Amino acid sequence: MSPRGRYSEEAAQDELLEPLEEQPSKSARKRAAHAAQALGERLIALKDSDLLALNLPEVLLQAVREAKRIKARGGLARQKQFIGKLMRELDTATIEADLARLRR
């Protein structure tokens, strides 16, 4: 193997390792995704008036309302995953706090 080829492999290896240290692990990302989806399921269980009180983004509110209408098991599962995806882009701590406030 030429020195150039070995250098390229080492450089590629270094490039792969650097971002991994900054990113959360795959397990941590999966835990966050499952937590976001579980929070979405709790939103689906709420009454429409309670959903409006949470001041959710419009796209999330529409996705939750759509999930309430879906009866097919597979379709509902996909919608819950979509809601989880939307939730991961938001600050879920504020939604959790609003849900706790609603329960009181």
PDB file of N, CA and C in Angstrom:
ATOM      1  N   MET A   1       0.847  -1.177   0.000  1.00  0.00           N
ATOM      2  CA  MET A   1       0.000   0.000   0.000  1.00  0.00           C
ATOM      3  C   MET A   1       0.887   1.232   0.000  1.00  0.00           C
ATOM      4  N   SER A   2       0.535   2.187  -0.762  1.00  0.00           N
ATOM      5  CA  SER A   2       1.330   3.401  -0.866  1.00  0.00           C
ATOM      6  C   SER A   2       1.097   4.272   0.368  1.00  0.00           C
ATOM      7  N   PRO A   3       2.071   5.106   0.688  1.00  0.00           N
ATOM      8  CA  PRO A   3       1.890   6.005   1.842  1.00  0.00           C
ATOM      9  C   PRO A   3       0.689   6.930   1.651  1.00  0.00           C
ATOM     10  N   ARG A   4       0.438   7.275   0.402  1.00  0.00           N
ATOM     11  CA  ARG A   4      -0.691   8.156   0.138  1.00  0.00           C
ATOM     12  C   ARG A   4      -2.008   7.476   0.504  1.00  0.00           C
ATOM     13  N   GLY A   5      -2.148   6.206   0.136  1.00  0.00           N
ATOM     14  CA  GLY A   5      -3.350   5.463   0.451  1.00  0.00           C
ATOM     15  C   GLY A   5      -3.546   5.308   1.947  1.00  0.00           C
ATOM     16  N   ARG A   6      -2.446   5.064   2.667  1.00  0.00           N
ATOM     17  CA  ARG A   6      -2.547   4.901   4.111  1.00  0.00           C
ATOM     18  C   ARG A   6      -2.923   6.230   4.774  1.00  0.00           C
ATOM     19  N   TYR A   7      -2.360   7.308   4.271  1.00  0.00           N
ATOM     20  CA  TYR A   7      -2.696   8.616   4.823  1.00  0.00           C
ATOM     21  C   TYR A   7      -4.173   8.914   4.630  1.00  0.00           C
ATOM     22  N   SER A   8      -4.673   8.585   3.452  1.00  0.00           N
ATOM     23  CA  SER A   8      -6.080   8.839   3.177  1.00  0.00           C
ATOM     24  C   SER A   8      -6.970   8.050   4.123  1.00  0.00           C
ATOM     25  N   GLU A   9      -6.594   6.806   4.408  1.00  0.00           N
ATOM     26  CA  GLU A   9      -7.379   5.996   5.339  1.00  0.00           C
ATOM     27  C   GLU A   9      -7.331   6.579   6.741  1.00  0.00           C
ATOM     28  N   GLU A  10      -6.138   7.028   7.175  1.00  0.00           N
ATOM     29  CA  GLU A  10      -6.016   7.609   8.513  1.00  0.00           C
ATOM     30  C   GLU A  10      -6.800   8.913   8.610  1.00  0.00           C
ATOM     31  N   ALA A  11      -6.729   9.725   7.566  1.00  0.00           N
ATOM     32  CA  ALA A  11      -7.464  10.990   7.576  1.00  0.00           C
ATOM     33  C   ALA A  11      -8.971  10.727   7.615  1.00  0.00           C
ATOM     34  N   ALA A  12      -9.402   9.743   6.839  1.00  0.00           N
ATOM     35  CA  ALA A  12     -10.822   9.397   6.838  1.00  0.00           C
ATOM     36  C   ALA A  12     -11.251   8.889   8.207  1.00  0.00           C
ATOM     37  N   GLN A  13     -10.383   8.093   8.841  1.00  0.00           N
ATOM     38  CA  GLN A  13     -10.678   7.566  10.176  1.00  0.00           C
ATOM     39  C   GLN A  13     -10.811   8.709  11.180  1.00  0.00           C
ATOM     40  N   ASP A  14      -9.901   9.671  11.115  1.00  0.00           N
ATOM     41  CA  ASP A  14      -9.956  10.815  12.029  1.00  0.00           C
ATOM     42  C   ASP A  14     -11.222  11.630  11.813  1.00  0.00           C
ATOM     43  N   GLU A  15     -11.601  11.817  10.555  1.00  0.00           N
ATOM     44  CA  GLU A  15     -12.804  12.575  10.253  1.00  0.00           C
ATOM     45  C   GLU A  15     -14.048  11.874  10.790  1.00  0.00           C
ATOM     46  N   LEU A  16     -14.049  10.556  10.767  1.00  0.00           N
ATOM     47  CA  LEU A  16     -15.197   9.811  11.278  1.00  0.00           C
ATOM     48  C   LEU A  16     -15.271   9.860  12.794  1.00  0.00           C
ATOM     49  N   LEU A  17     -14.128   9.861  13.447  1.00  0.00           N
ATOM     50  CA  LEU A  17     -14.125   9.824  14.902  1.00  0.00           C
ATOM     51  C   LEU A  17     -14.468  11.169  15.534  1.00  0.00           C
ATOM     52  N   GLU A  18     -14.046  12.258  14.941  1.00  0.00           N
ATOM     53  CA  GLU A  18     -14.280  13.572  15.537  1.00  0.00           C
ATOM     54  C   GLU A  18     -15.752  13.890  15.745  1.00  0.00           C
ATOM     55  N   PRO A  19     -16.604  13.758  14.736  1.00  0.00           N
ATOM     56  CA  PRO A  19     -18.018  14.103  14.963  1.00  0.00           C
ATOM     57  C   PRO A  19     -18.710  13.176  15.955  1.00  0.00           C
ATOM     58  N   LEU A  20     -18.250  11.936  16.064  1.00  0.00           N
ATOM     59  CA  LEU A  20     -18.890  11.006  16.987  1.00  0.00           C
ATOM     60  C   LEU A  20     -18.758  11.462  18.421  1.00  0.00           C
ATOM     61  N   GLU A  21     -17.645  12.094  18.750  1.00  0.00           N
ATOM     62  CA  GLU A  21     -17.456  12.562  20.114  1.00  0.00           C
ATOM     63  C   GLU A  21     -18.425  13.680  20.461  1.00  0.00           C
ATOM     64  N   GLU A  22     -18.823  14.463  19.477  1.00  0.00           N
ATOM     65  CA  GLU A  22     -19.716  15.585  19.710  1.00  0.00           C
ATOM     66  C   GLU A  22     -21.183  15.167  19.707  1.00  0.00           C
ATOM     67  N   GLN A  23     -21.514  14.103  19.004  1.00  0.00           N
ATOM     68  CA  GLN A  23     -22.897  13.671  18.868  1.00  0.00           C
ATOM     69  C   GLN A  23     -23.288  12.735  20.006  1.00  0.00           C
ATOM     70  N   PRO A  24     -24.580  12.735  20.367  1.00  0.00           N
ATOM     71  CA  PRO A  24     -25.034  11.742  21.351  1.00  0.00           C
ATOM     72  C   PRO A  24     -24.984  10.344  20.737  1.00  0.00           C
ATOM     73  N   SER A  25     -24.913   9.353  21.582  1.00  0.00           N
ATOM     74  CA  SER A  25     -24.847   7.978  21.097  1.00  0.00           C
ATOM     75  C   SER A  25     -26.163   7.586  20.426  1.00  0.00           C
ATOM     76  N   LYS A  26     -26.114   6.511  19.686  1.00  0.00           N
ATOM     77  CA  LYS A  26     -27.319   6.030  19.011  1.00  0.00           C
ATOM     78  C   LYS A  26     -28.384   5.659  20.042  1.00  0.00           C
ATOM     79  N   SER A  27     -27.951   5.060  21.142  1.00  0.00           N
ATOM     80  CA  SER A  27     -28.895   4.691  22.205  1.00  0.00           C
ATOM     81  C   SER A  27     -29.561   5.928  22.797  1.00  0.00           C
ATOM     82  N   ALA A  28     -28.777   6.987  22.990  1.00  0.00           N
ATOM     83  CA  ALA A  28     -29.343   8.214  23.551  1.00  0.00           C
ATOM     84  C   ALA A  28     -30.331   8.838  22.573  1.00  0.00           C
ATOM     85  N   ARG A  29     -30.013   8.795  21.286  1.00  0.00           N
ATOM     86  CA  ARG A  29     -30.943   9.332  20.283  1.00  0.00           C
ATOM     87  C   ARG A  29     -32.224   8.513  20.246  1.00  0.00           C
ATOM     88  N   LYS A  30     -32.113   7.184  20.380  1.00  0.00           N
ATOM     89  CA  LYS A  30     -33.309   6.334  20.370  1.00  0.00           C
ATOM     90  C   LYS A  30     -34.163   6.580  21.612  1.00  0.00           C
ATOM     91  N   ARG A  31     -33.520   6.762  22.757  1.00  0.00           N
ATOM     92  CA  ARG A  31     -34.274   7.050  23.978  1.00  0.00           C
ATOM     93  C   ARG A  31     -35.028   8.365  23.835  1.00  0.00           C
ATOM     94  N   ALA A  32     -34.377   9.362  23.264  1.00  0.00           N
ATOM     95  CA  ALA A  32     -35.030  10.660  23.059  1.00  0.00           C
ATOM     96  C   ALA A  32     -36.192  10.530  22.075  1.00  0.00           C
ATOM     97  N   ALA A  33     -36.009   9.736  21.031  1.00  0.00           N
ATOM     98  CA  ALA A  33     -37.074   9.539  20.046  1.00  0.00           C
ATOM     99  C   ALA A  33     -38.267   8.839  20.672  1.00  0.00           C
ATOM    100  N   HIS A  34     -38.010   7.821  21.486  1.00  0.00           N
ATOM    101  CA  HIS A  34     -39.104   7.104  22.145  1.00  0.00           C
ATOM    102  C   HIS A  34     -39.817   8.008  23.158  1.00  0.00           C
ATOM    103  N   ALA A  35     -39.054   8.835  23.860  1.00  0.00           N
ATOM    104  CA  ALA A  35     -39.666   9.749  24.825  1.00  0.00           C
ATOM    105  C   ALA A  35     -40.531  10.780  24.111  1.00  0.00           C
ATOM    106  N   ALA A  36     -40.064  11.274  22.974  1.00  0.00           N
ATOM    107  CA  ALA A  36     -40.846  12.245  22.208  1.00  0.00           C
ATOM    108  C   ALA A  36     -42.119  11.606  21.675  1.00  0.00           C
ATOM    109  N   GLN A  37     -42.018  10.357  21.221  1.00  0.00           N
ATOM    110  CA  GLN A  37     -43.208   9.667  20.713  1.00  0.00           C
ATOM    111  C   GLN A  37     -44.195   9.397  21.845  1.00  0.00           C
ATOM    112  N   ALA A  38     -43.703   9.039  23.024  1.00  0.00           N
ATOM    113  CA  ALA A  38     -44.585   8.806  24.169  1.00  0.00           C
ATOM    114  C   ALA A  38     -45.304  10.096  24.570  1.00  0.00           C
ATOM    115  N   LEU A  39     -44.585  11.205  24.509  1.00  0.00           N
ATOM    116  CA  LEU A  39     -45.214  12.489  24.803  1.00  0.00           C
ATOM    117  C   LEU A  39     -46.288  12.801  23.759  1.00  0.00           C
ATOM    118  N   GLY A  40     -46.009  12.463  22.514  1.00  0.00           N
ATOM    119  CA  GLY A  40     -46.999  12.643  21.455  1.00  0.00           C
ATOM    120  C   GLY A  40     -48.241  11.811  21.700  1.00  0.00           C
ATOM    121  N   GLU A  41     -48.071  10.590  22.203  1.00  0.00           N
ATOM    122  CA  GLU A  41     -49.218   9.735  22.520  1.00  0.00           C
ATOM    123  C   GLU A  41     -50.054  10.342  23.641  1.00  0.00           C
ATOM    124  N   ARG A  42     -49.390  10.980  24.593  1.00  0.00           N
ATOM    125  CA  ARG A  42     -50.141  11.651  25.653  1.00  0.00           C
ATOM    126  C   ARG A  42     -50.936  12.825  25.093  1.00  0.00           C
ATOM    127  N   LEU A  43     -50.371  13.501  24.089  1.00  0.00           N
ATOM    128  CA  LEU A  43     -51.094  14.604  23.457  1.00  0.00           C
ATOM    129  C   LEU A  43     -52.321  14.094  22.711  1.00  0.00           C
ATOM    130  N   ILE A  44     -52.182  12.930  22.074  1.00  0.00           N
ATOM    131  CA  ILE A  44     -53.310  12.350  21.335  1.00  0.00           C
ATOM    132  C   ILE A  44     -54.470  12.045  22.282  1.00  0.00           C
ATOM    133  N   ALA A  45     -54.167  11.675  23.503  1.00  0.00           N
ATOM    134  CA  ALA A  45     -55.197  11.305  24.471  1.00  0.00           C
ATOM    135  C   ALA A  45     -55.948  12.525  25.036  1.00  0.00           C
ATOM    136  N   LEU A  46     -55.426  13.720  24.818  1.00  0.00           N
ATOM    137  CA  LEU A  46     -56.058  14.918  25.368  1.00  0.00           C
ATOM    138  C   LEU A  46     -57.306  15.318  24.586  1.00  0.00           C
ATOM    139  N   LYS A  47     -58.183  16.045  25.265  1.00  0.00           N
ATOM    140  CA  LYS A  47     -59.335  16.643  24.587  1.00  0.00           C
ATOM    141  C   LYS A  47     -58.838  17.797  23.715  1.00  0.00           C
ATOM    142  N   ASP A  48     -59.627  18.141  22.703  1.00  0.00           N
ATOM    143  CA  ASP A  48     -59.235  19.195  21.783  1.00  0.00           C
ATOM    144  C   ASP A  48     -59.067  20.535  22.499  1.00  0.00           C
ATOM    145  N   SER A  49     -59.920  20.809  23.470  1.00  0.00           N
ATOM    146  CA  SER A  49     -59.808  22.076  24.203  1.00  0.00           C
ATOM    147  C   SER A  49     -58.503  22.149  24.988  1.00  0.00           C
ATOM    148  N   ASP A  50     -58.065  21.002  25.535  1.00  0.00           N
ATOM    149  CA  ASP A  50     -56.791  20.977  26.258  1.00  0.00           C
ATOM    150  C   ASP A  50     -55.620  21.142  25.299  1.00  0.00           C
ATOM    151  N   LEU A  51     -55.744  20.573  24.106  1.00  0.00           N
ATOM    152  CA  LEU A  51     -54.681  20.734  23.104  1.00  0.00           C
ATOM    153  C   LEU A  51     -54.497  22.202  22.737  1.00  0.00           C
ATOM    154  N   LEU A  52     -55.603  22.893  22.559  1.00  0.00           N
ATOM    155  CA  LEU A  52     -55.528  24.313  22.212  1.00  0.00           C
ATOM    156  C   LEU A  52     -54.906  25.131  23.340  1.00  0.00           C
ATOM    157  N   ALA A  53     -55.125  24.706  24.572  1.00  0.00           N
ATOM    158  CA  ALA A  53     -54.568  25.427  25.714  1.00  0.00           C
ATOM    159  C   ALA A  53     -53.049  25.274  25.799  1.00  0.00           C
ATOM    160  N   LEU A  54     -52.508  24.249  25.156  1.00  0.00           N
ATOM    161  CA  LEU A  54     -51.064  24.018  25.224  1.00  0.00           C
ATOM    162  C   LEU A  54     -50.263  24.936  24.315  1.00  0.00           C
ATOM    163  N   ASN A  55     -50.915  25.623  23.387  1.00  0.00           N
ATOM    164  CA  ASN A  55     -50.231  26.541  22.484  1.00  0.00           C
ATOM    165  C   ASN A  55     -49.135  25.822  21.684  1.00  0.00           C
ATOM    166  N   LEU A  56     -49.535  24.731  21.036  1.00  0.00           N
ATOM    167  CA  LEU A  56     -48.614  23.933  20.224  1.00  0.00           C
ATOM    168  C   LEU A  56     -48.452  24.555  18.844  1.00  0.00           C
ATOM    169  N   PRO A  57     -47.324  24.281  18.181  1.00  0.00           N
ATOM    170  CA  PRO A  57     -47.189  24.735  16.792  1.00  0.00           C
ATOM    171  C   PRO A  57     -48.303  24.128  15.928  1.00  0.00           C
ATOM    172  N   GLU A  58     -48.712  24.855  14.924  1.00  0.00           N
ATOM    173  CA  GLU A  58     -49.858  24.446  14.102  1.00  0.00           C
ATOM    174  C   GLU A  58     -49.642  23.083  13.452  1.00  0.00           C
ATOM    175  N   VAL A  59     -48.439  22.817  12.956  1.00  0.00           N
ATOM    176  CA  VAL A  59     -48.177  21.544  12.275  1.00  0.00           C
ATOM    177  C   VAL A  59     -48.320  20.373  13.253  1.00  0.00           C
ATOM    178  N   LEU A  60     -47.873  20.554  14.475  1.00  0.00           N
ATOM    179  CA  LEU A  60     -48.001  19.501  15.484  1.00  0.00           C
ATOM    180  C   LEU A  60     -49.462  19.321  15.883  1.00  0.00           C
ATOM    181  N   LEU A  61     -50.166  20.415  16.041  1.00  0.00           N
ATOM    182  CA  LEU A  61     -51.579  20.347  16.401  1.00  0.00           C
ATOM    183  C   LEU A  61     -52.379  19.605  15.330  1.00  0.00           C
ATOM    184  N   GLN A  62     -52.108  19.899  14.063  1.00  0.00           N
ATOM    185  CA  GLN A  62     -52.799  19.209  12.976  1.00  0.00           C
ATOM    186  C   GLN A  62     -52.448  17.725  12.948  1.00  0.00           C
ATOM    187  N   ALA A  63     -51.184  17.379  13.224  1.00  0.00           N
ATOM    188  CA  ALA A  63     -50.766  15.975  13.231  1.00  0.00           C
ATOM    189  C   ALA A  63     -51.462  15.207  14.356  1.00  0.00           C
ATOM    190  N   VAL A  64     -51.615  15.845  15.505  1.00  0.00           N
ATOM    191  CA  VAL A  64     -52.299  15.201  16.634  1.00  0.00           C
ATOM    192  C   VAL A  64     -53.779  15.019  16.314  1.00  0.00           C
ATOM    193  N   ARG A  65     -54.386  16.025  15.738  1.00  0.00           N
ATOM    194  CA  ARG A  65     -55.800  15.907  15.361  1.00  0.00           C
ATOM    195  C   ARG A  65     -56.002  14.809  14.328  1.00  0.00           C
ATOM    196  N   GLU A  66     -55.080  14.706  13.383  1.00  0.00           N
ATOM    197  CA  GLU A  66     -55.164  13.644  12.367  1.00  0.00           C
ATOM    198  C   GLU A  66     -55.028  12.268  13.019  1.00  0.00           C
ATOM    199  N   ALA A  67     -54.146  12.149  14.003  1.00  0.00           N
ATOM    200  CA  ALA A  67     -53.961  10.863  14.695  1.00  0.00           C
ATOM    201  C   ALA A  67     -55.242  10.446  15.411  1.00  0.00           C
ATOM    202  N   LYS A  68     -55.995  11.407  15.907  1.00  0.00           N
ATOM    203  CA  LYS A  68     -57.252  11.085  16.591  1.00  0.00           C
ATOM    204  C   LYS A  68     -58.284  10.503  15.622  1.00  0.00           C
ATOM    205  N   ARG A  69     -58.191  10.877  14.338  1.00  0.00           N
ATOM    206  CA  ARG A  69     -59.149  10.389  13.344  1.00  0.00           C
ATOM    207  C   ARG A  69     -58.758   9.039  12.757  1.00  0.00           C
ATOM    208  N   ILE A  70     -57.491   8.681  12.818  1.00  0.00           N
ATOM    209  CA  ILE A  70     -57.015   7.451  12.179  1.00  0.00           C
ATOM    210  C   ILE A  70     -57.424   6.240  13.013  1.00  0.00           C
ATOM    211  N   LYS A  71     -58.035   5.273  12.371  1.00  0.00           N
ATOM    212  CA  LYS A  71     -58.479   4.059  13.062  1.00  0.00           C
ATOM    213  C   LYS A  71     -57.603   2.852  12.732  1.00  0.00           C
ATOM    214  N   ALA A  72     -56.959   2.861  11.571  1.00  0.00           N
ATOM    215  CA  ALA A  72     -56.125   1.727  11.165  1.00  0.00           C
ATOM    216  C   ALA A  72     -54.865   1.672  12.034  1.00  0.00           C
ATOM    217  N   ARG A  73     -54.555   0.486  12.504  1.00  0.00           N
ATOM    218  CA  ARG A  73     -53.441   0.319  13.430  1.00  0.00           C
ATOM    219  C   ARG A  73     -52.113   0.762  12.822  1.00  0.00           C
ATOM    220  N   GLY A  74     -51.849   0.334  11.595  1.00  0.00           N
ATOM    221  CA  GLY A  74     -50.588   0.689  10.954  1.00  0.00           C
ATOM    222  C   GLY A  74     -50.487   2.174  10.666  1.00  0.00           C
ATOM    223  N   GLY A  75     -51.594   2.745  10.213  1.00  0.00           N
ATOM    224  CA  GLY A  75     -51.609   4.174   9.928  1.00  0.00           C
ATOM    225  C   GLY A  75     -51.412   5.003  11.186  1.00  0.00           C
ATOM    226  N   LEU A  76     -52.031   4.573  12.274  1.00  0.00           N
ATOM    227  CA  LEU A  76     -51.878   5.279  13.539  1.00  0.00           C
ATOM    228  C   LEU A  76     -50.440   5.186  14.039  1.00  0.00           C
ATOM    229  N   ALA A  77     -49.821   4.027  13.872  1.00  0.00           N
ATOM    230  CA  ALA A  77     -48.419   3.864  14.293  1.00  0.00           C
ATOM    231  C   ALA A  77     -47.516   4.811  13.508  1.00  0.00           C
ATOM    232  N   ARG A  78     -47.750   4.911  12.205  1.00  0.00           N
ATOM    233  CA  ARG A  78     -46.938   5.826  11.387  1.00  0.00           C
ATOM    234  C   ARG A  78     -47.182   7.278  11.793  1.00  0.00           C
ATOM    235  N   GLN A  79     -48.424   7.618  12.096  1.00  0.00           N
ATOM    236  CA  GLN A  79     -48.731   8.985  12.507  1.00  0.00           C
ATOM    237  C   GLN A  79     -48.065   9.307  13.843  1.00  0.00           C
ATOM    238  N   LYS A  80     -48.043   8.334  14.756  1.00  0.00           N
ATOM    239  CA  LYS A  80     -47.367   8.547  16.041  1.00  0.00           C
ATOM    240  C   LYS A  80     -45.872   8.766  15.830  1.00  0.00           C
ATOM    241  N   GLN A  81     -45.283   8.031  14.896  1.00  0.00           N
ATOM    242  CA  GLN A  81     -43.868   8.235  14.592  1.00  0.00           C
ATOM    243  C   GLN A  81     -43.636   9.625  14.013  1.00  0.00           C
ATOM    244  N   PHE A  82     -44.547  10.067  13.155  1.00  0.00           N
ATOM    245  CA  PHE A  82     -44.442  11.407  12.588  1.00  0.00           C
ATOM    246  C   PHE A  82     -44.547  12.461  13.688  1.00  0.00           C
ATOM    247  N   ILE A  83     -45.475  12.271  14.610  1.00  0.00           N
ATOM    248  CA  ILE A  83     -45.621  13.209  15.724  1.00  0.00           C
ATOM    249  C   ILE A  83     -44.342  13.217  16.561  1.00  0.00           C
ATOM    250  N   GLY A  84     -43.775  12.036  16.796  1.00  0.00           N
ATOM    251  CA  GLY A  84     -42.510  11.957  17.519  1.00  0.00           C
ATOM    252  C   GLY A  84     -41.406  12.716  16.814  1.00  0.00           C
ATOM    253  N   LYS A  85     -41.377  12.627  15.497  1.00  0.00           N
ATOM    254  CA  LYS A  85     -40.372  13.351  14.718  1.00  0.00           C
ATOM    255  C   LYS A  85     -40.554  14.859  14.888  1.00  0.00           C
ATOM    256  N   LEU A  86     -41.800  15.302  14.834  1.00  0.00           N
ATOM    257  CA  LEU A  86     -42.074  16.727  15.035  1.00  0.00           C
ATOM    258  C   LEU A  86     -41.684  17.162  16.446  1.00  0.00           C
ATOM    259  N   MET A  87     -41.940  16.300  17.423  1.00  0.00           N
ATOM    260  CA  MET A  87     -41.649  16.621  18.821  1.00  0.00           C
ATOM    261  C   MET A  87     -40.150  16.763  19.065  1.00  0.00           C
ATOM    262  N   ARG A  88     -39.349  15.978  18.349  1.00  0.00           N
ATOM    263  CA  ARG A  88     -37.896  16.039  18.554  1.00  0.00           C
ATOM    264  C   ARG A  88     -37.329  17.392  18.140  1.00  0.00           C
ATOM    265  N   GLU A  89     -38.023  18.103  17.275  1.00  0.00           N
ATOM    266  CA  GLU A  89     -37.563  19.410  16.825  1.00  0.00           C
ATOM    267  C   GLU A  89     -37.985  20.528  17.783  1.00  0.00           C
ATOM    268  N   LEU A  90     -38.823  20.204  18.755  1.00  0.00           N
ATOM    269  CA  LEU A  90     -39.346  21.204  19.690  1.00  0.00           C
ATOM    270  C   LEU A  90     -38.711  21.054  21.059  1.00  0.00           C
ATOM    271  N   ASP A  91     -38.954  22.043  21.901  1.00  0.00           N
ATOM    272  CA  ASP A  91     -38.538  21.963  23.300  1.00  0.00           C
ATOM    273  C   ASP A  91     -39.635  21.212  24.057  1.00  0.00           C
ATOM    274  N   THR A  92     -39.396  19.937  24.307  1.00  0.00           N
ATOM    275  CA  THR A  92     -40.424  19.119  24.945  1.00  0.00           C
ATOM    276  C   THR A  92     -40.594  19.446  26.427  1.00  0.00           C
ATOM    277  N   ALA A  93     -39.602  20.089  27.027  1.00  0.00           N
ATOM    278  CA  ALA A  93     -39.712  20.427  28.451  1.00  0.00           C
ATOM    279  C   ALA A  93     -40.864  21.397  28.689  1.00  0.00           C
ATOM    280  N   THR A  94     -41.054  22.343  27.792  1.00  0.00           N
ATOM    281  CA  THR A  94     -42.157  23.287  27.969  1.00  0.00           C
ATOM    282  C   THR A  94     -43.502  22.596  27.776  1.00  0.00           C
ATOM    283  N   ILE A  95     -43.560  21.657  26.840  1.00  0.00           N
ATOM    284  CA  ILE A  95     -44.805  20.911  26.626  1.00  0.00           C
ATOM    285  C   ILE A  95     -45.103  20.046  27.849  1.00  0.00           C
ATOM    286  N   GLU A  96     -44.066  19.409  28.401  1.00  0.00           N
ATOM    287  CA  GLU A  96     -44.239  18.611  29.624  1.00  0.00           C
ATOM    288  C   GLU A  96     -44.753  19.491  30.768  1.00  0.00           C
ATOM    289  N   ALA A  97     -44.179  20.684  30.906  1.00  0.00           N
ATOM    290  CA  ALA A  97     -44.599  21.586  31.980  1.00  0.00           C
ATOM    291  C   ALA A  97     -46.055  22.022  31.774  1.00  0.00           C
ATOM    292  N   ASP A  98     -46.420  22.311  30.536  1.00  0.00           N
ATOM    293  CA  ASP A  98     -47.806  22.686  30.247  1.00  0.00           C
ATOM    294  C   ASP A  98     -48.773  21.540  30.536  1.00  0.00           C
ATOM    295  N   LEU A  99     -48.355  20.308  30.215  1.00  0.00           N
ATOM    296  CA  LEU A  99     -49.199  19.144  30.523  1.00  0.00           C
ATOM    297  C   LEU A  99     -49.373  18.976  32.018  1.00  0.00           C
ATOM    298  N   ALA A 100     -48.304  19.178  32.779  1.00  0.00           N
ATOM    299  CA  ALA A 100     -48.398  19.073  34.228  1.00  0.00           C
ATOM    300  C   ALA A 100     -49.323  20.146  34.784  1.00  0.00           C
ATOM    301  N   ARG A 101     -49.263  21.344  34.209  1.00  0.00           N
ATOM    302  CA  ARG A 101     -50.137  22.439  34.637  1.00  0.00           C
ATOM    303  C   ARG A 101     -51.594  22.100  34.329  1.00  0.00           C
ATOM    304  N   LEU A 102     -51.845  21.450  33.186  1.00  0.00           N
ATOM    305  CA  LEU A 102     -53.212  21.073  32.835  1.00  0.00           C
ATOM    306  C   LEU A 102     -53.787  20.025  33.787  1.00  0.00           C
ATOM    307  N   ARG A 103     -52.942  19.130  34.250  1.00  0.00           N
ATOM    308  CA  ARG A 103     -53.410  18.064  35.143  1.00  0.00           C
ATOM    309  C   ARG A 103     -53.837  18.613  36.494  1.00  0.00           C
ATOM    310  N   ARG A 104     -53.329  19.752  36.901  1.00  0.00           N
ATOM    311  CA  ARG A 104     -53.681  20.319  38.212  1.00  0.00           C
ATOM    312  C   ARG A 104     -55.017  20.958  38.210  1.00  0.00           C
TER     313      ARG A 104
END
